[in-house]
């Protein structure tokens, strides 16, 4: 416990865990209940940020920067995912004039 900086010790690790869990549950609920593709992508990003927050908190409490480097790569992959996902949504919107995922069921064979 002596290795943890004073700034990090002011907030217990449990608070980070509860906050990250709440963000992740909100994201999962949004993915499962929403029908708009853009809102679903936002909820997926919320889940990724919850994981990043928890990895950063654990990394700070252990005084190890390896998880923070891993978070950097997760953010880079998430940015690429957003670019590709939004491009797909824009093309779908141009074709069917809606971002409702229930309408996408008509695109099956």
Protein backbone atom coordinates (compact mmCIF):
# COMPACT_ATOMS: atom_id res chain seq x y z
CA UNK A 1 0.00 0.00 0.00
CA UNK A 2 3.03 2.28 0.40
CA UNK A 3 3.73 2.27 -3.34
CA UNK A 4 0.34 3.76 -4.23
CA UNK A 5 0.54 7.55 -4.66
CA UNK A 6 -1.47 9.70 -2.25
CA UNK A 7 -3.74 11.00 -5.02
CA UNK A 8 -4.78 7.48 -5.98
CA UNK A 9 -5.36 6.43 -2.35
CA UNK A 10 -8.01 9.13 -1.82
CA UNK A 11 -10.53 7.13 -3.87
CA UNK A 12 -10.83 3.44 -2.91
CA UNK A 13 -10.55 0.80 -5.60
CA UNK A 14 -14.10 -0.38 -4.84
CA UNK A 15 -15.48 2.92 -6.10
CA UNK A 16 -13.76 2.45 -9.43
CA UNK A 17 -15.11 -1.09 -9.58
CA UNK A 18 -18.70 -0.02 -8.83
CA UNK A 19 -18.58 2.90 -11.26
CA UNK A 20 -17.11 0.77 -14.04
CA UNK A 21 -19.71 -1.94 -13.42
CA UNK A 22 -22.51 0.62 -13.57
CA UNK A 23 -21.20 2.03 -16.86
CA UNK A 24 -20.89 -1.45 -18.33
CA UNK A 25 -24.41 -2.44 -17.25
CA UNK A 26 -25.82 0.78 -18.75
CA UNK A 27 -24.02 -0.04 -22.00
CA UNK A 28 -25.31 -3.62 -22.10
CA UNK A 29 -28.84 -2.44 -21.34
CA UNK A 30 -28.61 0.10 -24.15
CA UNK A 31 -27.39 -2.50 -26.64
CA UNK A 32 -30.15 -4.94 -25.72
CA UNK A 33 -33.05 -2.47 -25.62
CA UNK A 34 -32.35 0.20 -28.24
CA UNK A 35 -33.19 -0.13 -31.92
CA UNK A 36 -31.22 2.79 -33.34
CA UNK A 37 -27.84 1.71 -34.73
CA UNK A 38 -26.09 4.93 -33.69
CA UNK A 39 -27.27 4.58 -30.08
CA UNK A 40 -26.11 0.96 -30.08
CA UNK A 41 -22.64 2.04 -31.20
CA UNK A 42 -22.60 4.66 -28.44
CA UNK A 43 -23.49 1.98 -25.89
CA UNK A 44 -20.70 -0.27 -27.17
CA UNK A 45 -18.27 2.61 -26.75
CA UNK A 46 -19.58 3.12 -23.21
CA UNK A 47 -18.82 -0.53 -22.43
CA UNK A 48 -15.29 -0.17 -23.84
CA UNK A 49 -14.73 2.94 -21.73
CA UNK A 50 -15.90 1.09 -18.62
CA UNK A 51 -13.30 -1.59 -19.25
CA UNK A 52 -10.64 1.05 -19.93
CA UNK A 53 -11.46 2.83 -16.67
CA UNK A 54 -11.14 -0.37 -14.69
CA UNK A 55 -7.86 -1.33 -16.36
CA UNK A 56 -6.45 2.12 -15.65
CA UNK A 57 -7.56 1.99 -12.01
CA UNK A 58 -6.00 -1.42 -11.47
CA UNK A 59 -2.85 -0.24 -13.20
CA UNK A 60 -2.61 2.83 -10.97
CA UNK A 61 -3.18 0.81 -7.81
CA UNK A 62 -0.48 -1.66 -8.76
CA UNK A 63 1.88 1.11 -9.95
CA UNK A 64 2.31 -0.73 -13.24
CA UNK A 65 2.01 1.02 -16.60
CA UNK A 66 1.43 -2.12 -18.68
CA UNK A 67 -2.36 -1.92 -18.43
CA UNK A 68 -2.29 1.75 -19.40
CA UNK A 69 -0.44 0.86 -22.60
CA UNK A 70 -3.06 -1.81 -23.23
CA UNK A 71 -5.79 0.83 -22.73
CA UNK A 72 -4.11 2.99 -25.37
CA UNK A 73 -4.34 0.16 -27.91
CA UNK A 74 -7.97 -0.53 -26.97
CA UNK A 75 -8.78 3.12 -27.63
CA UNK A 76 -7.04 2.99 -31.01
CA UNK A 77 -8.99 -0.12 -32.02
CA UNK A 78 -12.23 1.46 -30.76
CA UNK A 79 -11.58 4.55 -32.90
CA UNK A 80 -11.09 2.36 -35.96
CA UNK A 81 -14.25 0.43 -35.09
CA UNK A 82 -16.22 3.67 -34.88
CA UNK A 83 -14.97 4.79 -38.29
CA UNK A 84 -15.92 1.53 -39.97
CA UNK A 85 -19.22 1.25 -38.08
CA UNK A 86 -20.31 4.79 -38.90
CA UNK A 87 -19.40 4.26 -42.55
CA UNK A 88 -21.61 1.17 -42.62
CA UNK A 89 -24.45 3.06 -40.91
CA UNK A 90 -24.18 5.91 -43.42
CA UNK A 91 -24.37 3.48 -46.35
CA UNK A 92 -27.37 1.71 -44.81
CA UNK A 93 -29.07 5.06 -44.21
CA UNK A 94 -28.48 6.08 -47.82
CA UNK A 95 -30.09 2.87 -49.06
CA UNK A 96 -33.09 2.46 -46.76
CA UNK A 97 -33.43 5.96 -45.17
CA UNK A 98 -33.48 4.61 -41.63
CA UNK A 99 -31.06 3.49 -38.92
CA UNK A 100 -33.60 1.19 -37.25
CA UNK A 101 -32.06 -2.26 -36.89
CA UNK A 102 -35.43 -4.01 -37.20
CA UNK A 103 -35.65 -2.84 -40.82
CA UNK A 104 -32.26 -4.44 -41.48
CA UNK A 105 -33.92 -7.83 -41.02
CA UNK A 106 -35.26 -7.37 -44.58
CA UNK A 107 -31.71 -7.48 -45.93
CA UNK A 108 -31.46 -11.23 -45.24
CA UNK A 109 -31.71 -13.74 -48.03
